[in-house]
Amino acid sequence: MSINQRLETIAQVLDKNKAEAIETFNLENSDYMVDGVVVATAMADRHLVALLNFLKTDLKPAEQFLHVEESEDWIVIDLGDIIVHIMSESARDKYHLESFLKEFEAKKNAK
């Protein structure tokens, strides 16, 4: 399965389970540390954990969860060549992660 297909599958699981502002970034052949990134916003703290559980259920066995890092407002899921960030609205507003990722995507597309 291609990176784009895998990113789309992850986005669909998140969307189906009410994640908001889902953005995917194909960073293959860029200088970024992984080939793909998904960023999504959860509606509440409990929703963060619920979205993680939905991803674990819906993506296994196709995706191997190498590491999961959790805080009260941000969960990072390492799938090896894809990273998934599920964030609270306040964390997403604070860190503007997608702005940073768009720069990598733009550099990749300019090559």
Protein backbone atom coordinates (compact mmCIF):
# COMPACT_ATOMS: atom_id res chain seq x y z
CA MET A 1 0.00 0.00 0.00
CA SER A 2 1.37 3.45 -0.92
CA ILE A 3 2.00 6.23 1.57
CA ASN A 4 -0.94 8.18 0.12
CA GLN A 5 -3.28 5.21 0.57
CA ARG A 6 -2.10 4.66 4.13
CA LEU A 7 -2.49 8.37 4.97
CA GLU A 8 -6.00 8.30 3.50
CA THR A 9 -6.92 5.21 5.53
CA ILE A 10 -5.73 6.86 8.75
CA ALA A 11 -7.63 10.06 7.89
CA GLN A 12 -10.79 8.05 7.19
CA VAL A 13 -10.62 6.30 10.58
CA LEU A 14 -10.15 9.64 12.32
CA ASP A 15 -12.95 11.28 10.33
CA LYS A 16 -15.35 8.41 10.98
CA ASN A 17 -14.73 8.87 14.69
CA LYS A 18 -15.32 12.64 14.74
CA ALA A 19 -11.76 13.99 14.69
CA GLU A 20 -11.65 17.54 13.36
CA ALA A 21 -9.36 19.51 11.01
CA ILE A 22 -7.61 16.39 9.70
CA GLU A 23 -4.59 17.15 7.54
CA THR A 24 -2.29 14.69 5.81
CA PHE A 25 1.22 15.36 4.54
CA ASN A 26 3.04 13.17 2.06
CA LEU A 27 6.70 13.93 2.74
CA GLU A 28 8.26 11.10 0.72
CA ASN A 29 11.57 12.12 -0.84
CA SER A 30 11.85 15.16 1.41
CA ASP A 31 14.37 15.91 4.15
CA TYR A 32 11.79 15.17 6.86
CA MET A 33 12.35 12.20 9.17
CA VAL A 34 9.27 10.23 8.01
CA ASP A 35 7.39 9.77 4.74
CA GLY A 36 3.99 10.86 6.02
CA VAL A 37 2.30 12.79 8.81
CA VAL A 38 -1.31 13.08 9.90
CA VAL A 39 -2.47 15.87 12.21
CA ALA A 40 -5.96 15.89 13.71
CA THR A 41 -7.82 17.69 16.48
CA ALA A 42 -9.77 15.91 19.21
CA MET A 43 -12.85 17.49 20.78
CA ALA A 44 -11.84 16.73 24.40
CA ASP A 45 -9.25 14.89 26.51
CA ARG A 46 -11.26 11.65 26.49
CA HIS A 47 -11.68 11.96 22.74
CA LEU A 48 -7.87 11.95 22.34
CA VAL A 49 -7.65 8.52 23.94
CA ALA A 50 -10.73 7.25 22.12
CA LEU A 51 -9.23 8.23 18.75
CA LEU A 52 -6.02 6.39 19.64
CA ASN A 53 -8.05 3.28 20.49
CA PHE A 54 -10.06 3.51 17.25
CA LEU A 55 -6.83 3.72 15.26
CA LYS A 56 -5.35 0.73 17.08
CA THR A 57 -8.47 -1.32 16.39
CA ASP A 58 -9.06 -0.26 12.79
CA LEU A 59 -5.46 -0.21 11.55
CA LYS A 60 -4.14 -3.43 13.04
CA PRO A 61 -2.76 -5.73 11.72
CA ALA A 62 -1.91 -3.60 8.65
CA GLU A 63 -0.02 -0.98 10.68
CA GLN A 64 2.51 -1.68 13.40
CA PHE A 65 2.38 0.78 16.29
CA LEU A 66 6.06 1.18 17.21
CA HIS A 67 5.57 3.76 19.94
CA VAL A 68 2.80 5.89 21.41
CA GLU A 69 3.55 8.99 23.48
CA GLU A 70 0.62 10.45 25.41
CA SER A 71 0.10 13.69 27.28
CA GLU A 72 -3.12 15.35 28.39
CA ASP A 73 -3.45 17.36 25.17
CA TRP A 74 -1.36 15.55 22.56
CA ILE A 75 -0.87 11.95 21.44
CA VAL A 76 1.90 11.00 19.03
CA ILE A 77 1.74 7.64 17.26
CA ASP A 78 4.86 6.31 15.55
CA LEU A 79 4.10 3.89 12.72
CA GLY A 80 7.71 3.84 11.51
CA ASP A 81 7.40 5.82 8.29
CA ILE A 82 4.23 7.69 9.33
CA ILE A 83 3.65 9.82 12.43
CA VAL A 84 0.11 10.61 13.63
CA HIS A 85 -0.48 13.62 15.88
CA ILE A 86 -3.83 13.81 17.68
CA MET A 87 -4.01 17.13 19.49
CA SER A 88 -6.38 19.20 21.56
CA GLU A 89 -7.50 22.41 19.93
CA SER A 90 -5.37 24.49 22.31
CA ALA A 91 -2.22 22.43 21.62
CA ARG A 92 -2.79 22.67 17.89
CA ASP A 93 -3.23 26.44 18.12
CA LYS A 94 -0.12 26.75 20.26
CA TYR A 95 2.29 24.67 18.17
CA HIS A 96 1.06 25.25 14.59
CA LEU A 97 2.56 21.92 13.56
CA GLU A 98 0.87 21.91 10.18
CA SER A 99 2.57 25.20 9.22
CA PHE A 100 5.94 23.57 9.81
CA LEU A 101 4.94 20.49 7.82
CA LYS A 102 3.61 22.56 4.92
CA GLU A 103 7.09 24.08 4.56
CA PHE A 104 8.62 20.61 4.13
CA GLU A 105 5.90 19.66 1.68
CA ALA A 106 6.50 22.85 -0.33
CA LYS A 107 10.27 22.24 -0.43
CA LYS A 108 9.67 18.68 -1.62
CA ASN A 109 7.31 19.84 -4.36
CA ALA A 110 9.76 22.54 -5.49
CA LYS A 111 12.48 19.96 -6.23
